[in-house]
C-alpha atoms as a PDB file:
ATOM      1  CA  MET A   1     226.965 201.699 223.875  1.00  0.00           C
ATOM      2  CA  LEU A   2     223.433 202.834 224.375  1.00  0.00           C
ATOM      3  CA  LYS A   3     221.232 201.317 227.048  1.00  0.00           C
ATOM      4  CA  HIS A   4     218.696 199.934 224.557  1.00  0.00           C
ATOM      5  CA  ILE A   5     221.435 198.031 222.680  1.00  0.00           C
ATOM      6  CA  SER A   6     222.177 196.054 225.846  1.00  0.00           C
ATOM      7  CA  TYR A   7     218.494 195.126 226.034  1.00  0.00           C
ATOM      8  CA  TYR A   8     218.553 193.703 222.504  1.00  0.00           C
ATOM      9  CA  GLU A   9     221.782 191.813 223.204  1.00  0.00           C
ATOM     10  CA  ARG A  10     220.074 190.165 226.184  1.00  0.00           C
ATOM     11  CA  GLN A  11     217.288 189.115 223.794  1.00  0.00           C
ATOM     12  CA  GLY A  12     219.803 187.298 221.571  1.00  0.00           C
ATOM     13  CA  PHE A  13     220.793 189.954 219.038  1.00  0.00           C
ATOM     14  CA  GLN A  14     224.433 190.570 218.110  1.00  0.00           C
ATOM     15  CA  VAL A  15     225.900 193.935 217.141  1.00  0.00           C
ATOM     16  CA  VAL A  16     227.178 193.921 213.545  1.00  0.00           C
ATOM     17  CA  GLY A  17     228.360 197.537 213.505  1.00  0.00           C
ATOM     18  CA  ASP A  18     227.508 201.200 213.773  1.00  0.00           C
ATOM     19  CA  PHE A  19     226.465 203.425 210.878  1.00  0.00           C
ATOM     20  CA  SER A  20     225.544 207.019 210.131  1.00  0.00           C
ATOM     21  CA  PHE A  21     223.081 208.405 207.612  1.00  0.00           C
ATOM     22  CA  PRO A  22     223.402 212.019 206.478  1.00  0.00           C
ATOM     23  CA  ARG A  23     220.043 213.756 205.985  1.00  0.00           C
ATOM     24  CA  LYS A  24     219.338 216.548 203.489  1.00  0.00           C
ATOM     25  CA  SER A  25     218.861 218.906 206.435  1.00  0.00           C
ATOM     26  CA  GLY A  26     222.479 218.356 207.467  1.00  0.00           C
ATOM     27  CA  LEU A  27     221.582 216.236 210.490  1.00  0.00           C
ATOM     28  CA  ILE A  28     223.270 212.875 210.798  1.00  0.00           C
ATOM     29  CA  TRP A  29     221.284 209.921 212.090  1.00  0.00           C
ATOM     30  CA  LEU A  30     223.383 207.427 214.020  1.00  0.00           C
ATOM     31  CA  GLY A  31     222.398 203.787 214.225  1.00  0.00           C
ATOM     32  CA  THR A  32     223.550 200.305 215.099  1.00  0.00           C
ATOM     33  CA  LEU A  33     222.947 197.280 212.890  1.00  0.00           C
ATOM     34  CA  LEU A  34     221.911 194.179 214.828  1.00  0.00           C
ATOM     35  CA  LYS A  35     221.452 190.577 213.739  1.00  0.00           C
ATOM     36  CA  MET A  36     219.883 187.460 215.162  1.00  0.00           C
ATOM     37  CA  ASP A  37     220.439 183.941 213.870  1.00  0.00           C
ATOM     38  CA  ILE A  38     217.131 182.148 213.487  1.00  0.00           C
ATOM     39  CA  ARG A  39     217.184 178.389 213.309  1.00  0.00           C
ATOM     40  CA  THR A  40     214.160 176.553 211.954  1.00  0.00           C
ATOM     41  CA  GLY A  41     214.987 173.103 213.322  1.00  0.00           C
ATOM     42  CA  ALA A  42     215.665 171.815 209.808  1.00  0.00           C
ATOM     43  CA  ASP A  43     219.426 171.950 210.399  1.00  0.00           C
END
């Protein structure tokens, strides 16, 4: 796991999963999808 992902986890984000995106140039961008539950107090 990358260092910056740990930072976001400490801020309250959760890892959903990893993904890749193939570019026309042949390069593949790698990424990680994060989520954060936001509560409005109306629960």
